[in-house]
Amino acid sequence: MIKTRRSILKSGVAAFCTLWGVGASAQIFKKKKDKNKKTTRSVKGEVTNEAEDGVQAVLQLKNVSTQDVRSYYTTPQGTFFFHGLDPNVDYEITAKAKGYQPKTRRISTFESRMELFYSFNLKSE
């Protein structure tokens, strides 16, 4: 079969459209997938005493809008980690340990960082 200029042009256009269509649909799929991806906030930190030693404490995570409170323990070294927090909600974290004054920190919706680090330095009672 002899290929004319017109048949070469048609096959080139068809190949281009096929490749472009595959690429475009992959990009559209990727955009849809990104829209469904929910971003969450995480908070990690430590609870220490006046001597900068780690203190095992109870952390209360409070959703300010619903007043829902969840309690967690730190590790024996005083470290903690929360993940999956909604960036559109204000939270309060209160660190409590026996023999120390409690301390509260607030996570605001105006905070743009998605990974936060908080240090609670508790003072003796």
N, C-alpha and C. Protein backbone atom coordinates (compact mmCIF):
# COMPACT_ATOMS: atom_id res chain seq x y z
N MET A 1 0.84 -1.17 0.00
CA MET A 1 0.00 0.00 0.00
C MET A 1 0.89 1.24 0.00
N ILE A 2 0.57 2.15 -0.87
CA ILE A 2 1.32 3.39 -0.98
C ILE A 2 0.68 4.40 -0.03
N LYS A 3 1.52 5.00 0.79
CA LYS A 3 1.01 6.01 1.73
C LYS A 3 1.11 7.37 1.09
N THR A 4 0.00 8.02 1.06
CA THR A 4 0.00 9.38 0.54
C THR A 4 0.20 10.34 1.70
N ARG A 5 0.41 11.57 1.35
CA ARG A 5 0.60 12.59 2.36
C ARG A 5 -0.62 12.70 3.26
N ARG A 6 -1.80 12.59 2.66
CA ARG A 6 -3.05 12.69 3.41
C ARG A 6 -3.19 11.51 4.39
N SER A 7 -2.87 10.29 3.98
CA SER A 7 -3.00 9.13 4.87
C SER A 7 -1.99 9.20 6.02
N ILE A 8 -0.79 9.72 5.74
CA ILE A 8 0.21 9.88 6.79
C ILE A 8 -0.28 10.92 7.79
N LEU A 9 -0.84 12.01 7.30
CA LEU A 9 -1.36 13.05 8.17
C LEU A 9 -2.50 12.52 9.03
N LYS A 10 -3.42 11.76 8.42
CA LYS A 10 -4.55 11.19 9.17
C LYS A 10 -4.06 10.24 10.25
N SER A 11 -3.10 9.38 9.92
CA SER A 11 -2.62 8.42 10.91
C SER A 11 -1.88 9.14 12.04
N GLY A 12 -1.15 10.20 11.69
CA GLY A 12 -0.45 10.99 12.72
C GLY A 12 -1.43 11.69 13.65
N VAL A 13 -2.50 12.25 13.06
CA VAL A 13 -3.52 12.93 13.87
C VAL A 13 -4.23 11.92 14.76
N ALA A 14 -4.54 10.76 14.20
CA ALA A 14 -5.22 9.73 14.98
C ALA A 14 -4.34 9.28 16.15
N ALA A 15 -3.06 9.09 15.87
CA ALA A 15 -2.15 8.68 16.94
C ALA A 15 -2.04 9.78 18.00
N PHE A 16 -1.94 11.03 17.56
CA PHE A 16 -1.87 12.14 18.50
C PHE A 16 -3.11 12.21 19.36
N CYS A 17 -4.31 12.09 18.74
CA CYS A 17 -5.56 12.15 19.49
C CYS A 17 -5.66 11.00 20.48
N THR A 18 -5.20 9.83 20.06
CA THR A 18 -5.24 8.68 20.96
C THR A 18 -4.34 8.92 22.16
N LEU A 19 -3.12 9.35 21.90
CA LEU A 19 -2.20 9.62 22.99
C LEU A 19 -2.68 10.77 23.87
N TRP A 20 -3.16 11.81 23.27
CA TRP A 20 -3.65 12.96 24.04
C TRP A 20 -4.85 12.56 24.88
N GLY A 21 -5.73 11.75 24.31
CA GLY A 21 -6.92 11.30 25.05
C GLY A 21 -6.55 10.49 26.27
N VAL A 22 -5.57 9.60 26.12
CA VAL A 22 -5.14 8.79 27.25
C VAL A 22 -4.51 9.69 28.32
N GLY A 23 -3.65 10.60 27.89
CA GLY A 23 -3.01 11.51 28.84
C GLY A 23 -4.01 12.41 29.53
N ALA A 24 -4.97 12.93 28.76
CA ALA A 24 -5.97 13.83 29.34
C ALA A 24 -6.84 13.09 30.33
N SER A 25 -7.24 11.87 30.00
CA SER A 25 -8.09 11.13 30.93
C SER A 25 -7.31 10.77 32.20
N ALA A 26 -6.01 10.51 32.07
CA ALA A 26 -5.20 10.22 33.26
C ALA A 26 -5.12 11.46 34.14
N GLN A 27 -4.95 12.65 33.51
CA GLN A 27 -4.90 13.87 34.30
C GLN A 27 -6.24 14.16 34.96
N ILE A 28 -7.32 13.94 34.26
CA ILE A 28 -8.65 14.16 34.85
C ILE A 28 -8.85 13.21 36.01
N PHE A 29 -8.46 11.94 35.84
CA PHE A 29 -8.59 10.96 36.91
C PHE A 29 -7.78 11.40 38.12
N LYS A 30 -6.56 11.89 37.88
CA LYS A 30 -5.70 12.33 38.97
C LYS A 30 -6.33 13.50 39.71
N LYS A 31 -6.92 14.45 38.99
CA LYS A 31 -7.55 15.60 39.62
C LYS A 31 -8.73 15.15 40.47
N LYS A 32 -9.53 14.22 39.98
CA LYS A 32 -10.66 13.72 40.76
C LYS A 32 -10.16 13.03 42.02
N LYS A 33 -9.10 12.27 41.88
CA LYS A 33 -8.55 11.55 43.02
C LYS A 33 -8.04 12.54 44.07
N ASP A 34 -7.38 13.63 43.64
CA ASP A 34 -6.87 14.63 44.57
C ASP A 34 -8.01 15.34 45.30
N LYS A 35 -9.14 15.57 44.62
CA LYS A 35 -10.27 16.24 45.26
C LYS A 35 -10.85 15.39 46.38
N ASN A 36 -10.82 14.07 46.20
CA ASN A 36 -11.37 13.18 47.20
C ASN A 36 -10.43 12.98 48.38
N LYS A 37 -9.17 13.33 48.21
CA LYS A 37 -8.19 13.16 49.27
C LYS A 37 -8.44 14.21 50.36
N LYS A 38 -8.65 13.75 51.57
CA LYS A 38 -8.91 14.67 52.67
C LYS A 38 -7.62 14.91 53.43
N THR A 39 -7.26 16.17 53.62
CA THR A 39 -6.07 16.49 54.36
C THR A 39 -6.41 16.57 55.84
N THR A 40 -5.53 16.05 56.65
CA THR A 40 -5.73 16.09 58.10
C THR A 40 -4.51 16.69 58.76
N ARG A 41 -4.68 17.07 59.99
CA ARG A 41 -3.62 17.69 60.77
C ARG A 41 -3.07 16.68 61.77
N SER A 42 -1.78 16.77 62.07
CA SER A 42 -1.18 15.92 63.09
C SER A 42 -0.42 16.81 64.08
N VAL A 43 -0.40 16.34 65.32
CA VAL A 43 0.29 17.07 66.39
C VAL A 43 1.16 16.08 67.14
N LYS A 44 2.42 16.43 67.31
CA LYS A 44 3.29 15.62 68.15
C LYS A 44 4.00 16.55 69.12
N GLY A 45 4.49 15.98 70.18
CA GLY A 45 5.16 16.82 71.16
C GLY A 45 5.66 16.06 72.35
N GLU A 46 5.95 16.81 73.40
CA GLU A 46 6.50 16.23 74.61
C GLU A 46 6.00 16.98 75.83
N VAL A 47 5.97 16.26 76.95
CA VAL A 47 5.60 16.84 78.24
C VAL A 47 6.83 16.69 79.13
N THR A 48 7.31 17.82 79.64
CA THR A 48 8.50 17.81 80.48
C THR A 48 8.23 18.54 81.78
N ASN A 49 9.15 18.35 82.74
CA ASN A 49 9.07 19.10 84.00
C ASN A 49 10.07 20.25 83.95
N GLU A 50 10.25 20.91 85.09
CA GLU A 50 11.14 22.08 85.13
C GLU A 50 12.59 21.73 84.82
N ALA A 51 12.97 20.48 85.08
CA ALA A 51 14.34 20.03 84.82
C ALA A 51 14.50 19.49 83.40
N GLU A 52 13.47 19.66 82.56
CA GLU A 52 13.45 19.20 81.17
C GLU A 52 13.47 17.67 81.04
N ASP A 53 13.05 16.97 82.11
CA ASP A 53 12.91 15.52 82.05
C ASP A 53 11.52 15.19 81.55
N GLY A 54 11.41 14.12 80.77
CA GLY A 54 10.10 13.69 80.28
C GLY A 54 9.20 13.24 81.42
N VAL A 55 7.92 13.61 81.33
CA VAL A 55 6.95 13.27 82.36
C VAL A 55 5.81 12.50 81.72
N GLN A 56 5.46 11.35 82.30
CA GLN A 56 4.29 10.62 81.80
C GLN A 56 3.06 11.37 82.30
N ALA A 57 2.18 11.72 81.37
CA ALA A 57 1.03 12.55 81.69
C ALA A 57 -0.20 12.06 80.94
N VAL A 58 -1.34 12.63 81.33
CA VAL A 58 -2.59 12.40 80.62
C VAL A 58 -2.84 13.63 79.76
N LEU A 59 -3.12 13.41 78.48
CA LEU A 59 -3.45 14.51 77.57
C LEU A 59 -4.93 14.43 77.24
N GLN A 60 -5.61 15.54 77.38
CA GLN A 60 -7.01 15.61 77.01
C GLN A 60 -7.12 16.45 75.75
N LEU A 61 -7.66 15.83 74.69
CA LEU A 61 -7.86 16.50 73.42
C LEU A 61 -9.34 16.88 73.32
N LYS A 62 -9.61 18.17 73.28
CA LYS A 62 -10.99 18.67 73.30
C LYS A 62 -11.34 19.35 71.98
N ASN A 63 -12.42 18.89 71.36
CA ASN A 63 -12.97 19.56 70.18
C ASN A 63 -13.77 20.74 70.71
N VAL A 64 -13.35 21.96 70.40
CA VAL A 64 -13.97 23.15 70.99
C VAL A 64 -15.42 23.33 70.54
N SER A 65 -15.74 22.98 69.31
CA SER A 65 -17.11 23.20 68.82
C SER A 65 -18.10 22.17 69.37
N THR A 66 -17.69 20.90 69.50
CA THR A 66 -18.62 19.88 69.99
C THR A 66 -18.44 19.58 71.47
N GLN A 67 -17.38 20.09 72.08
CA GLN A 67 -17.04 19.85 73.48
C GLN A 67 -16.69 18.38 73.75
N ASP A 68 -16.42 17.61 72.70
CA ASP A 68 -16.03 16.22 72.84
C ASP A 68 -14.59 16.17 73.37
N VAL A 69 -14.37 15.37 74.44
CA VAL A 69 -13.04 15.28 75.04
C VAL A 69 -12.58 13.82 74.98
N ARG A 70 -11.35 13.63 74.53
CA ARG A 70 -10.74 12.30 74.52
C ARG A 70 -9.44 12.37 75.31
N SER A 71 -9.19 11.35 76.10
CA SER A 71 -7.99 11.32 76.94
C SER A 71 -7.01 10.29 76.42
N TYR A 72 -5.73 10.64 76.49
CA TYR A 72 -4.65 9.78 76.03
C TYR A 72 -3.50 9.86 77.02
N TYR A 73 -2.68 8.82 77.07
CA TYR A 73 -1.47 8.82 77.87
C TYR A 73 -0.26 9.10 76.99
N THR A 74 0.71 9.79 77.56
CA THR A 74 1.98 9.94 76.86
C THR A 74 2.80 8.67 77.06
N THR A 75 3.90 8.57 76.36
CA THR A 75 4.83 7.47 76.61
C THR A 75 5.51 7.74 77.95
N PRO A 76 6.21 6.76 78.51
CA PRO A 76 6.94 7.03 79.76
C PRO A 76 7.96 8.16 79.64
N GLN A 77 8.43 8.42 78.42
CA GLN A 77 9.37 9.53 78.20
C GLN A 77 8.66 10.87 78.01
N GLY A 78 7.33 10.86 77.99
CA GLY A 78 6.56 12.10 77.88
C GLY A 78 6.21 12.53 76.47
N THR A 79 6.43 11.68 75.47
CA THR A 79 6.11 12.07 74.10
C THR A 79 4.70 11.63 73.73
N PHE A 80 4.12 12.33 72.76
CA PHE A 80 2.77 12.00 72.29
C PHE A 80 2.65 12.33 70.81
N PHE A 81 1.59 11.77 70.19
CA PHE A 81 1.34 11.99 68.77
C PHE A 81 -0.15 11.83 68.50
N PHE A 82 -0.78 12.84 67.91
CA PHE A 82 -2.16 12.78 67.47
C PHE A 82 -2.16 12.93 65.95
N HIS A 83 -2.99 12.16 65.27
CA HIS A 83 -3.11 12.32 63.83
C HIS A 83 -4.58 12.24 63.43
N GLY A 84 -4.86 12.65 62.23
CA GLY A 84 -6.24 12.60 61.73
C GLY A 84 -7.12 13.71 62.25
N LEU A 85 -6.54 14.81 62.71
CA LEU A 85 -7.34 15.92 63.22
C LEU A 85 -7.85 16.78 62.06
N ASP A 86 -9.09 17.19 62.17
CA ASP A 86 -9.71 18.02 61.14
C ASP A 86 -9.12 19.43 61.19
N PRO A 87 -8.56 19.94 60.08
CA PRO A 87 -7.99 21.28 60.10
C PRO A 87 -9.03 22.39 60.20
N ASN A 88 -10.32 22.05 60.05
CA ASN A 88 -11.39 23.05 60.13
C ASN A 88 -12.02 23.10 61.51
N VAL A 89 -11.38 22.52 62.50
CA VAL A 89 -11.91 22.48 63.87
C VAL A 89 -10.84 23.00 64.82
N ASP A 90 -11.25 23.80 65.81
CA ASP A 90 -10.35 24.24 66.87
C ASP A 90 -10.29 23.14 67.94
N TYR A 91 -9.08 22.91 68.46
CA TYR A 91 -8.88 21.92 69.52
C TYR A 91 -8.13 22.56 70.67
N GLU A 92 -8.31 21.99 71.86
CA GLU A 92 -7.50 22.34 73.02
C GLU A 92 -6.85 21.07 73.53
N ILE A 93 -5.57 21.15 73.84
CA ILE A 93 -4.85 20.02 74.42
C ILE A 93 -4.42 20.44 75.82
N THR A 94 -4.82 19.63 76.81
CA THR A 94 -4.45 19.89 78.19
C THR A 94 -3.59 18.75 78.70
N ALA A 95 -2.43 19.09 79.24
CA ALA A 95 -1.52 18.10 79.81
C ALA A 95 -1.67 18.13 81.33
N LYS A 96 -1.93 16.95 81.92
CA LYS A 96 -2.09 16.83 83.37
C LYS A 96 -1.22 15.70 83.88
N ALA A 97 -0.50 15.96 84.96
CA ALA A 97 0.32 14.94 85.60
C ALA A 97 0.26 15.16 87.11
N LYS A 98 0.33 14.07 87.85
CA LYS A 98 0.25 14.14 89.31
C LYS A 98 1.43 14.93 89.86
N GLY A 99 1.12 15.92 90.69
CA GLY A 99 2.15 16.74 91.31
C GLY A 99 2.54 17.96 90.47
N TYR A 100 1.88 18.17 89.32
CA TYR A 100 2.20 19.30 88.44
C TYR A 100 0.93 20.09 88.12
N GLN A 101 1.11 21.37 87.83
CA GLN A 101 -0.01 22.21 87.40
C GLN A 101 -0.33 21.88 85.94
N PRO A 102 -1.63 21.76 85.60
CA PRO A 102 -1.98 21.46 84.20
C PRO A 102 -1.66 22.64 83.29
N LYS A 103 -1.44 22.32 82.03
CA LYS A 103 -1.15 23.36 81.04
C LYS A 103 -1.96 23.06 79.79
N THR A 104 -2.53 24.11 79.17
CA THR A 104 -3.38 23.95 78.00
C THR A 104 -2.80 24.73 76.82
N ARG A 105 -2.87 24.11 75.65
CA ARG A 105 -2.48 24.74 74.39
C ARG A 105 -3.66 24.64 73.44
N ARG A 106 -3.82 25.61 72.55
CA ARG A 106 -4.93 25.63 71.61
C ARG A 106 -4.42 25.46 70.18
N ILE A 107 -5.14 24.65 69.40
CA ILE A 107 -4.86 24.49 67.98
C ILE A 107 -5.97 25.21 67.24
N SER A 108 -5.63 26.25 66.51
CA SER A 108 -6.61 27.09 65.83
C SER A 108 -6.77 26.69 64.37
N THR A 109 -7.95 26.94 63.85
CA THR A 109 -8.20 26.71 62.42
C THR A 109 -7.40 27.68 61.56
N PHE A 110 -6.96 28.78 62.15
CA PHE A 110 -6.17 29.76 61.40
C PHE A 110 -4.72 29.31 61.22
N GLU A 111 -4.32 28.29 61.94
CA GLU A 111 -2.98 27.73 61.80
C GLU A 111 -2.91 26.97 60.48
N SER A 112 -2.03 27.39 59.59
CA SER A 112 -1.98 26.78 58.25
C SER A 112 -1.11 25.52 58.19
N ARG A 113 -0.23 25.32 59.17
CA ARG A 113 0.63 24.14 59.15
C ARG A 113 -0.19 22.88 59.45
N MET A 114 0.12 21.82 58.76
CA MET A 114 -0.59 20.56 58.97
C MET A 114 0.13 19.64 59.96
N GLU A 115 1.39 19.91 60.23
CA GLU A 115 2.14 19.15 61.22
C GLU A 115 2.64 20.13 62.28
N LEU A 116 2.19 19.92 63.52
CA LEU A 116 2.52 20.83 64.61
C LEU A 116 3.34 20.10 65.67
N PHE A 117 4.17 20.85 66.39
CA PHE A 117 4.93 20.31 67.51
C PHE A 117 4.67 21.20 68.72
N TYR A 118 4.20 20.59 69.81
CA TYR A 118 3.94 21.35 71.04
C TYR A 118 4.73 20.74 72.19
N SER A 119 5.32 21.61 72.97
CA SER A 119 6.05 21.19 74.16
C SER A 119 5.33 21.75 75.38
N PHE A 120 5.00 20.87 76.31
CA PHE A 120 4.36 21.27 77.56
C PHE A 120 5.40 21.17 78.67
N ASN A 121 5.78 22.29 79.25
CA ASN A 121 6.72 22.32 80.36
C ASN A 121 5.89 22.55 81.63
N LEU A 122 5.66 21.47 82.39
CA LEU A 122 4.80 21.55 83.57
C LEU A 122 5.60 21.98 84.79
N LYS A 123 4.96 22.82 85.61
CA LYS A 123 5.58 23.30 86.84
C LYS A 123 5.00 22.55 88.03
N SER A 124 5.84 22.32 89.04
CA SER A 124 5.38 21.62 90.23
C SER A 124 4.34 22.44 90.97
N GLU A 125 3.44 21.72 91.66
CA GLU A 125 2.40 22.43 92.45
C GLU A 125 2.96 22.99 93.71
